[in-house]
Amino acid sequence: MYYEVYLDSIFLVCFCMNRYLLGLTNLCLSCAATHGRLWAGAAVGAVGDLLAILMPAPFRPVLLAAGLYGMAGTAFGCWRGRGLVRIAEGLGVCFFLLGGAVTLLLRLWPGGEGKLSGSAAVLLLGAVCYEGIRLPVLRRRKDRGSCHVTLYGEDGHSIRIAGLVDTGNSLTEPISGRPVAVLEKEIWEQLYPRQAPSGMRVIPYHSVGKPAGTLIGFPVKDMEVEVGGIRRKCREIYIALWQERLTETGSYKILLQPAMLEH
């Protein structure tokens, strides 16, 4: 029996499907991987898949595992420890979720398995399932975590901005242990155009998908948070300044620590 295999088509399919998988994992785990990292991770995984196909059978499990490890590490910037375990769990869940959605769609589509013969059809089916999972997750996260925050600055000046209660944010000021919110620096400069309050701190952080580093933070006596129509005061907290935009769309300007809303 004669088979004609197009390696470029196999690479393209693996590359795009890996990107769908990484995108869902990044969303479900609330990671901070950039689009560039996700695409690079998908490419590394596709190379591993391609090598596994070309090499003899005994080497395939090792190559697949190496490709998966390289894909996760490249995309999320985490190569060991609990972070890697968390990512592996997320990848496994999203793999079965995406695979289950594709299988279900094929069964609901009369003659779908016979029609799904080209790489374009596979990619289209994967994209439909990816969006079908991504959009409800985004909507649920927005409904559960969105809020409005009122910050107070110099001379009683205040700004009301959109925020997000990030369940993955456990950032604290290392000396006092107080919770830390992350705010875009541009907003902070509007609150304190002349002089920032005293008590500056250097706050170390680490986020999956971003390199570890430090942020400059300042103490804030209080701010007002409105979640689901309920307003509450958050007192004696710190605000760390983020140099760039927190989101590409600008849908929120500040990330809150869930502990801020417990009191």
Protein backbone atom coordinates (compact mmCIF):
# COMPACT_ATOMS: atom_id res chain seq x y z
CA MET A 1 0.00 0.00 0.00
CA TYR A 2 1.31 3.43 -0.95
CA TYR A 3 0.83 6.56 1.17
CA GLU A 4 1.74 10.08 0.18
CA VAL A 5 2.44 12.28 3.21
CA TYR A 6 2.81 16.06 3.04
CA LEU A 7 5.00 17.13 5.92
CA ASP A 8 4.12 20.80 5.52
CA SER A 9 0.41 20.00 5.94
CA ILE A 10 1.09 17.88 9.03
CA PHE A 11 3.19 20.66 10.55
CA LEU A 12 0.50 23.25 9.82
CA VAL A 13 -2.24 21.17 11.42
CA CYS A 14 -0.15 20.40 14.52
CA PHE A 15 0.94 24.02 14.77
CA CYS A 16 -2.58 25.45 14.70
CA MET A 17 -4.12 22.79 16.92
CA ASN A 18 -1.35 23.32 19.47
CA ARG A 19 -2.11 27.03 19.37
CA TYR A 20 -5.78 26.36 20.11
CA LEU A 21 -4.77 24.10 23.01
CA LEU A 22 -2.34 26.62 24.48
CA GLY A 23 -4.85 29.44 24.09
CA LEU A 24 -7.50 27.55 26.07
CA THR A 25 -4.99 26.60 28.76
CA ASN A 26 -3.81 30.20 29.05
CA LEU A 27 -7.39 31.36 29.45
CA CYS A 28 -8.58 28.68 31.86
CA LEU A 29 -5.55 29.00 34.15
CA SER A 30 -5.58 32.83 34.01
CA CYS A 31 -1.97 32.81 32.86
CA ALA A 32 -0.24 35.83 31.38
CA ALA A 33 1.37 34.31 28.30
CA THR A 34 1.67 36.72 25.38
CA HIS A 35 0.46 35.91 21.88
CA GLY A 36 4.07 35.67 20.72
CA ARG A 37 4.89 33.09 23.39
CA LEU A 38 1.80 31.06 22.56
CA TRP A 39 2.65 30.95 18.85
CA ALA A 40 6.29 30.08 19.63
CA GLY A 41 5.18 27.29 21.96
CA ALA A 42 2.83 25.94 19.29
CA ALA A 43 5.73 25.85 16.81
CA VAL A 44 7.97 23.96 19.25
CA GLY A 45 5.22 21.42 19.88
CA ALA A 46 4.61 21.00 16.14
CA VAL A 47 8.30 20.29 15.55
CA GLY A 48 8.19 17.61 18.26
CA ASP A 49 5.09 16.05 16.68
CA LEU A 50 6.73 16.04 13.26
CA LEU A 51 9.93 14.43 14.55
CA ALA A 52 7.88 11.78 16.34
CA ILE A 53 6.22 10.86 13.05
CA LEU A 54 9.52 10.66 11.15
CA MET A 55 11.50 8.71 13.75
CA PRO A 56 11.21 4.95 14.48
CA ALA A 57 8.44 3.86 16.84
CA PRO A 58 10.62 3.32 19.98
CA PHE A 59 11.65 6.99 19.95
CA ARG A 60 8.18 8.45 19.47
CA PRO A 61 7.02 8.62 23.13
CA VAL A 62 10.24 10.39 24.12
CA LEU A 63 9.96 12.88 21.26
CA LEU A 64 6.29 13.56 21.99
CA ALA A 65 7.03 14.14 25.68
CA ALA A 66 9.97 16.40 24.83
CA GLY A 67 7.86 18.36 22.38
CA LEU A 68 5.08 18.79 24.95
CA TYR A 69 7.58 19.92 27.59
CA GLY A 70 9.18 22.39 25.20
CA MET A 71 5.78 23.66 24.10
CA ALA A 72 4.61 24.32 27.67
CA GLY A 73 7.91 25.85 28.76
CA THR A 74 8.19 28.14 25.75
CA ALA A 75 4.59 29.33 25.96
CA PHE A 76 4.34 29.92 29.69
CA GLY A 77 7.97 30.51 30.66
CA CYS A 78 7.83 27.84 33.38
CA TRP A 79 10.17 24.86 33.18
CA ARG A 80 9.94 23.21 36.59
CA GLY A 81 8.19 23.16 39.95
CA ARG A 82 4.53 23.48 40.86
CA GLY A 83 3.91 25.91 38.03
CA LEU A 84 4.85 23.26 35.48
CA VAL A 85 2.59 20.70 37.19
CA ARG A 86 -0.29 23.17 37.11
CA ILE A 87 0.30 23.84 33.42
CA ALA A 88 0.48 20.11 32.63
CA GLU A 89 -2.84 19.56 34.39
CA GLY A 90 -4.39 22.46 32.48
CA LEU A 91 -3.08 21.16 29.17
CA GLY A 92 -4.51 17.72 29.90
CA VAL A 93 -7.95 19.06 30.77
CA CYS A 94 -8.07 21.37 27.76
CA PHE A 95 -6.80 18.58 25.47
CA PHE A 96 -9.69 16.31 26.41
CA LEU A 97 -12.12 19.24 26.31
CA LEU A 98 -11.06 20.29 22.82
CA GLY A 99 -10.84 16.70 21.59
CA GLY A 100 -14.28 15.93 23.02
CA ALA A 101 -15.76 18.97 21.29
CA VAL A 102 -14.27 17.91 17.95
CA THR A 103 -15.56 14.34 18.37
CA LEU A 104 -19.02 15.56 19.33
CA LEU A 105 -19.18 17.88 16.32
CA LEU A 106 -18.17 15.05 14.01
CA ARG A 107 -20.93 12.82 15.37
CA LEU A 108 -23.54 15.55 15.02
CA TRP A 109 -22.41 16.31 11.47
CA PRO A 110 -23.80 13.62 9.10
CA GLY A 111 -20.93 12.16 7.11
CA GLY A 112 -18.48 14.47 8.85
CA GLU A 113 -15.68 11.92 9.17
CA GLY A 114 -15.71 11.31 5.45
CA LYS A 115 -15.74 15.00 4.61
CA LEU A 116 -12.92 15.82 7.03
CA SER A 117 -10.11 14.83 4.68
CA GLY A 118 -8.09 18.00 4.10
CA SER A 119 -5.96 20.08 6.44
CA ALA A 120 -8.15 23.14 5.84
CA ALA A 121 -11.24 21.24 7.04
CA VAL A 122 -9.40 20.02 10.15
CA LEU A 123 -8.25 23.53 11.01
CA LEU A 124 -11.71 24.96 10.44
CA LEU A 125 -13.28 22.35 12.71
CA GLY A 126 -10.64 23.03 15.37
CA ALA A 127 -11.23 26.77 15.15
CA VAL A 128 -15.00 26.33 15.56
CA CYS A 129 -14.53 24.16 18.65
CA TYR A 130 -11.89 26.52 20.06
CA GLU A 131 -14.18 29.54 19.77
CA GLY A 132 -17.12 27.52 21.06
CA ILE A 133 -15.19 26.87 24.27
CA ARG A 134 -13.33 30.18 24.56
CA LEU A 135 -16.28 32.55 24.32
CA PRO A 136 -18.37 31.04 27.16
CA VAL A 137 -15.27 30.92 29.39
CA LEU A 138 -14.54 34.56 28.64
CA ARG A 139 -18.15 35.53 29.33
CA ARG A 140 -18.18 33.64 32.63
CA ARG A 141 -14.89 35.18 33.75
CA LYS A 142 -16.12 38.62 32.86
CA ASP A 143 -19.38 38.17 34.78
CA ARG A 144 -17.67 36.74 37.86
CA GLY A 145 -14.59 38.94 38.06
CA SER A 146 -15.46 42.31 36.54
CA CYS A 147 -15.82 45.28 38.85
CA HIS A 148 -15.45 49.05 39.04
CA VAL A 149 -12.84 50.67 41.25
CA THR A 150 -12.71 54.25 42.53
CA LEU A 151 -9.22 55.44 43.44
CA TYR A 152 -8.39 58.62 45.33
CA GLY A 153 -5.35 60.81 44.68
CA GLU A 154 -4.00 64.26 45.40
CA ASP A 155 -6.33 67.01 46.61
CA GLY A 156 -9.34 64.67 46.73
CA HIS A 157 -9.03 63.84 43.04
CA SER A 158 -10.64 60.50 42.16
CA ILE A 159 -10.80 58.22 39.13
CA ARG A 160 -13.30 55.42 38.47
CA ILE A 161 -11.93 52.62 36.31
CA ALA A 162 -12.83 49.09 35.25
CA GLY A 163 -11.10 46.32 37.18
CA LEU A 164 -10.86 42.57 37.45
CA VAL A 165 -10.83 40.41 40.57
CA ASP A 166 -8.09 37.98 39.58
CA THR A 167 -8.32 34.66 41.43
CA GLY A 168 -4.75 33.93 40.34
CA ASN A 169 -3.41 37.06 42.02
CA SER A 170 -1.92 36.34 45.45
CA LEU A 171 0.52 39.25 45.44
CA THR A 172 1.37 40.66 48.86
CA GLU A 173 3.74 43.29 50.20
CA PRO A 174 6.59 41.25 51.71
CA ILE A 175 7.04 43.23 54.95
CA SER A 176 3.45 43.82 56.08
CA GLY A 177 1.79 40.95 54.20
CA ARG A 178 -0.93 43.31 52.93
CA PRO A 179 -2.60 42.45 49.59
CA VAL A 180 -1.40 44.23 46.47
CA ALA A 181 -3.44 45.41 43.49
CA VAL A 182 -1.74 45.93 40.13
CA LEU A 183 -2.56 49.21 38.38
CA GLU A 184 -1.48 50.65 35.05
CA LYS A 185 1.15 53.31 35.67
CA GLU A 186 -0.66 55.77 33.40
CA ILE A 187 -3.67 55.82 35.76
CA TRP A 188 -1.44 56.28 38.81
CA GLU A 189 0.23 59.31 37.22
CA GLN A 190 -3.20 60.87 36.74
CA LEU A 191 -3.92 60.40 40.45
CA TYR A 192 -0.54 61.71 41.61
CA PRO A 193 0.80 64.03 38.89
CA ARG A 194 3.21 65.82 41.24
CA GLN A 195 4.28 63.57 44.08
CA ALA A 196 3.47 59.99 45.06
CA PRO A 197 2.61 59.14 48.68
CA SER A 198 5.42 58.12 51.02
CA GLY A 199 6.13 54.51 51.88
CA MET A 200 7.33 53.18 48.54
CA ARG A 201 8.04 49.44 48.47
CA VAL A 202 9.75 47.07 46.06
CA ILE A 203 7.38 44.13 45.55
CA PRO A 204 8.67 40.88 43.98
CA TYR A 205 6.29 39.00 41.70
CA HIS A 206 6.13 35.92 39.54
CA SER A 207 3.47 35.14 36.97
CA VAL A 208 3.08 32.10 34.73
CA GLY A 209 3.92 33.23 31.21
CA LYS A 210 5.97 36.23 32.37
CA PRO A 211 9.49 36.39 33.82
CA ALA A 212 9.83 37.03 37.55
CA GLY A 213 10.70 40.57 38.57
CA THR A 214 9.89 43.43 40.90
CA LEU A 215 7.25 46.16 40.90
CA ILE A 216 7.21 49.54 42.58
CA GLY A 217 4.32 49.81 45.04
CA PHE A 218 2.77 52.47 47.25
CA PRO A 219 0.43 52.27 50.26
CA VAL A 220 -3.17 53.37 49.77
CA LYS A 221 -5.47 54.10 52.70
CA ASP A 222 -8.64 53.08 50.91
CA MET A 223 -10.35 52.56 47.60
CA GLU A 224 -13.92 51.73 46.68
CA VAL A 225 -14.80 48.57 44.77
CA GLU A 226 -18.19 47.83 43.21
CA VAL A 227 -18.88 44.18 42.35
CA GLY A 228 -22.32 43.07 41.23
CA GLY A 229 -23.88 46.32 42.40
CA ILE A 230 -22.42 45.99 45.92
CA ARG A 231 -19.93 48.62 47.06
CA ARG A 232 -17.27 48.07 49.66
CA LYS A 233 -14.18 49.85 50.95
CA CYS A 234 -10.76 48.24 50.72
CA ARG A 235 -8.44 49.73 53.34
CA GLU A 236 -4.72 49.63 54.08
CA ILE A 237 -3.59 48.03 50.83
CA TYR A 238 -0.75 48.50 48.38
CA ILE A 239 -0.90 49.34 44.72
CA ALA A 240 1.88 48.14 42.42
CA LEU A 241 2.50 49.93 39.13
CA TRP A 242 2.52 48.07 35.81
CA GLN A 243 4.44 49.84 33.07
CA GLU A 244 2.33 48.60 30.14
CA ARG A 245 -1.35 48.00 29.50
CA LEU A 246 -2.80 45.08 31.44
CA THR A 247 -4.87 43.98 28.45
CA GLU A 248 -4.59 44.57 24.73
CA THR A 249 -8.23 45.67 24.57
CA GLY A 250 -8.06 47.93 27.62
CA SER A 251 -11.08 46.17 29.16
CA TYR A 252 -9.70 46.71 32.67
CA LYS A 253 -7.03 48.91 34.23
CA ILE A 254 -6.45 47.29 37.61
CA LEU A 255 -6.10 43.72 38.92
CA LEU A 256 -7.41 43.14 42.41
CA GLN A 257 -6.38 40.50 44.88
CA PRO A 258 -9.42 38.47 46.08
CA ALA A 259 -8.30 38.91 49.71
CA MET A 260 -9.06 42.62 49.40
CA LEU A 261 -12.79 41.88 49.26
CA GLU A 262 -12.89 39.55 52.26
CA HIS A 263 -13.06 42.29 54.88
